[in-house]
Amino acid sequence: YFGLPNDDGAVVEGVVRGSPADEAGMRRYDIVMEIGGAAVASDDAFRKAVEKLKIGQKVTLVVRRGEQTGRAELTLGEAP
């Protein structure tokens, strides 16, 4: 994706204003590399990992934006 060194991770296609992802500072085209300490290899792997979590559960994501990598902590909410 976007000329990055590998294709691991899940690309954020959009962030809903006021959502937990928005409040955590996530942006469109961020790449989620880990969720809750588990590596994310693809969009499908990310969806499966999220399905195992509960609404209200706190989770830490490792996110790559461009060439920088950081952490985002958020509390899961209902999907819009």
C-alpha atoms as a PDB file:
ATOM      1  CA  TYR A   1       0.000   0.000   0.000  1.00  0.00           C
ATOM      2  CA  PHE A   2       1.086   3.549  -0.779  1.00  0.00           C
ATOM      3  CA  GLY A   3       4.685   2.575  -1.551  1.00  0.00           C
ATOM      4  CA  LEU A   4       5.298   1.169   1.935  1.00  0.00           C
ATOM      5  CA  PRO A   5       7.829  -1.614   2.494  1.00  0.00           C
ATOM      6  CA  ASN A   6       5.272  -4.422   2.915  1.00  0.00           C
ATOM      7  CA  ASP A   7       1.571  -5.126   2.665  1.00  0.00           C
ATOM      8  CA  ASP A   8       0.965  -6.298   6.245  1.00  0.00           C
ATOM      9  CA  GLY A   9      -1.779  -4.609   8.201  1.00  0.00           C
ATOM     10  CA  ALA A  10      -5.300  -3.332   7.646  1.00  0.00           C
ATOM     11  CA  VAL A  11      -5.869  -0.023   5.881  1.00  0.00           C
ATOM     12  CA  VAL A  12      -8.315   2.348   7.574  1.00  0.00           C
ATOM     13  CA  GLU A  13     -10.774   3.279   4.837  1.00  0.00           C
ATOM     14  CA  GLY A  14     -12.548   5.962   6.839  1.00  0.00           C
ATOM     15  CA  VAL A  15     -13.122   7.303  10.338  1.00  0.00           C
ATOM     16  CA  VAL A  16     -16.544   8.401  11.581  1.00  0.00           C
ATOM     17  CA  ARG A  17     -16.464  11.761  13.358  1.00  0.00           C
ATOM     18  CA  GLY A  18     -16.989  11.291  17.099  1.00  0.00           C
ATOM     19  CA  SER A  19     -16.273   7.544  16.962  1.00  0.00           C
ATOM     20  CA  PRO A  20     -13.746   5.848  19.269  1.00  0.00           C
ATOM     21  CA  ALA A  21     -11.300   5.713  16.329  1.00  0.00           C
ATOM     22  CA  ASP A  22     -11.719   9.471  15.768  1.00  0.00           C
ATOM     23  CA  GLU A  23     -11.233  10.200  19.463  1.00  0.00           C
ATOM     24  CA  ALA A  24      -8.061   8.051  19.420  1.00  0.00           C
ATOM     25  CA  GLY A  25      -6.665  10.143  16.550  1.00  0.00           C
ATOM     26  CA  MET A  26      -7.010   7.564  13.791  1.00  0.00           C
ATOM     27  CA  ARG A  27      -7.089   8.855  10.205  1.00  0.00           C
ATOM     28  CA  ARG A  28      -8.077   7.531   6.806  1.00  0.00           C
ATOM     29  CA  TYR A  29      -5.246   5.467   5.266  1.00  0.00           C
ATOM     30  CA  ASP A  30      -3.611   4.679   8.626  1.00  0.00           C
ATOM     31  CA  ILE A  31      -2.480   1.053   8.661  1.00  0.00           C
ATOM     32  CA  VAL A  32      -3.327  -1.053  11.722  1.00  0.00           C
ATOM     33  CA  MET A  33      -0.380  -3.379  12.337  1.00  0.00           C
ATOM     34  CA  GLU A  34      -1.476  -4.880  15.685  1.00  0.00           C
ATOM     35  CA  ILE A  35      -4.629  -5.077  17.766  1.00  0.00           C
ATOM     36  CA  GLY A  36      -4.435  -6.083  21.408  1.00  0.00           C
ATOM     37  CA  GLY A  37      -0.862  -7.291  20.947  1.00  0.00           C
ATOM     38  CA  ALA A  38      -1.699  -9.588  18.011  1.00  0.00           C
ATOM     39  CA  ALA A  39      -0.210  -8.899  14.582  1.00  0.00           C
ATOM     40  CA  VAL A  40      -2.670  -7.942  11.830  1.00  0.00           C
ATOM     41  CA  ALA A  41      -1.727  -9.415   8.448  1.00  0.00           C
ATOM     42  CA  SER A  42      -4.699  -8.171   6.400  1.00  0.00           C
ATOM     43  CA  ASP A  43      -8.036  -6.366   6.428  1.00  0.00           C
ATOM     44  CA  ASP A  44      -9.763  -9.724   6.905  1.00  0.00           C
ATOM     45  CA  ALA A  45      -7.531 -10.621   9.878  1.00  0.00           C
ATOM     46  CA  PHE A  46      -8.384  -7.249  11.452  1.00  0.00           C
ATOM     47  CA  ARG A  47     -12.134  -7.820  11.046  1.00  0.00           C
ATOM     48  CA  LYS A  48     -11.858 -11.280  12.603  1.00  0.00           C
ATOM     49  CA  ALA A  49      -9.868  -9.908  15.548  1.00  0.00           C
ATOM     50  CA  VAL A  50     -12.425  -7.148  16.178  1.00  0.00           C
ATOM     51  CA  GLU A  51     -15.304  -9.651  16.049  1.00  0.00           C
ATOM     52  CA  LYS A  52     -13.770 -11.458  19.044  1.00  0.00           C
ATOM     53  CA  LEU A  53     -13.795  -8.282  21.169  1.00  0.00           C
ATOM     54  CA  LYS A  54     -16.683  -6.865  23.193  1.00  0.00           C
ATOM     55  CA  ILE A  55     -18.273  -3.426  23.051  1.00  0.00           C
ATOM     56  CA  GLY A  56     -16.838  -1.342  25.866  1.00  0.00           C
ATOM     57  CA  GLN A  57     -13.558  -3.270  25.820  1.00  0.00           C
ATOM     58  CA  LYS A  58     -10.373  -1.186  25.766  1.00  0.00           C
ATOM     59  CA  VAL A  59      -7.821  -2.126  23.143  1.00  0.00           C
ATOM     60  CA  THR A  60      -4.436  -0.852  22.008  1.00  0.00           C
ATOM     61  CA  LEU A  61      -3.650  -0.637  18.308  1.00  0.00           C
ATOM     62  CA  VAL A  62      -0.231  -0.273  16.720  1.00  0.00           C
ATOM     63  CA  VAL A  63      -0.735   2.032  13.760  1.00  0.00           C
ATOM     64  CA  ARG A  64       1.538   3.100  10.930  1.00  0.00           C
ATOM     65  CA  ARG A  65       0.983   6.485   9.302  1.00  0.00           C
ATOM     66  CA  GLY A  66       3.417   7.104   6.492  1.00  0.00           C
ATOM     67  CA  GLU A  67       6.807   6.131   7.868  1.00  0.00           C
ATOM     68  CA  GLN A  68       5.869   6.638  11.516  1.00  0.00           C
ATOM     69  CA  THR A  69       4.473   4.005  13.856  1.00  0.00           C
ATOM     70  CA  GLY A  70       2.525   4.776  17.023  1.00  0.00           C
ATOM     71  CA  ARG A  71      -0.074   3.436  19.418  1.00  0.00           C
ATOM     72  CA  ALA A  72      -3.740   4.299  19.679  1.00  0.00           C
ATOM     73  CA  GLU A  73      -5.824   3.300  22.682  1.00  0.00           C
ATOM     74  CA  LEU A  74      -9.561   3.187  22.318  1.00  0.00           C
ATOM     75  CA  THR A  75     -12.723   1.740  23.796  1.00  0.00           C
ATOM     76  CA  LEU A  76     -14.790  -0.260  21.322  1.00  0.00           C
ATOM     77  CA  GLY A  77     -18.248   1.063  20.492  1.00  0.00           C
ATOM     78  CA  GLU A  78     -21.190   0.053  18.310  1.00  0.00           C
ATOM     79  CA  ALA A  79     -20.558   0.122  14.569  1.00  0.00           C
ATOM     80  CA  PRO A  80     -22.427   2.993  12.892  1.00  0.00           C
END
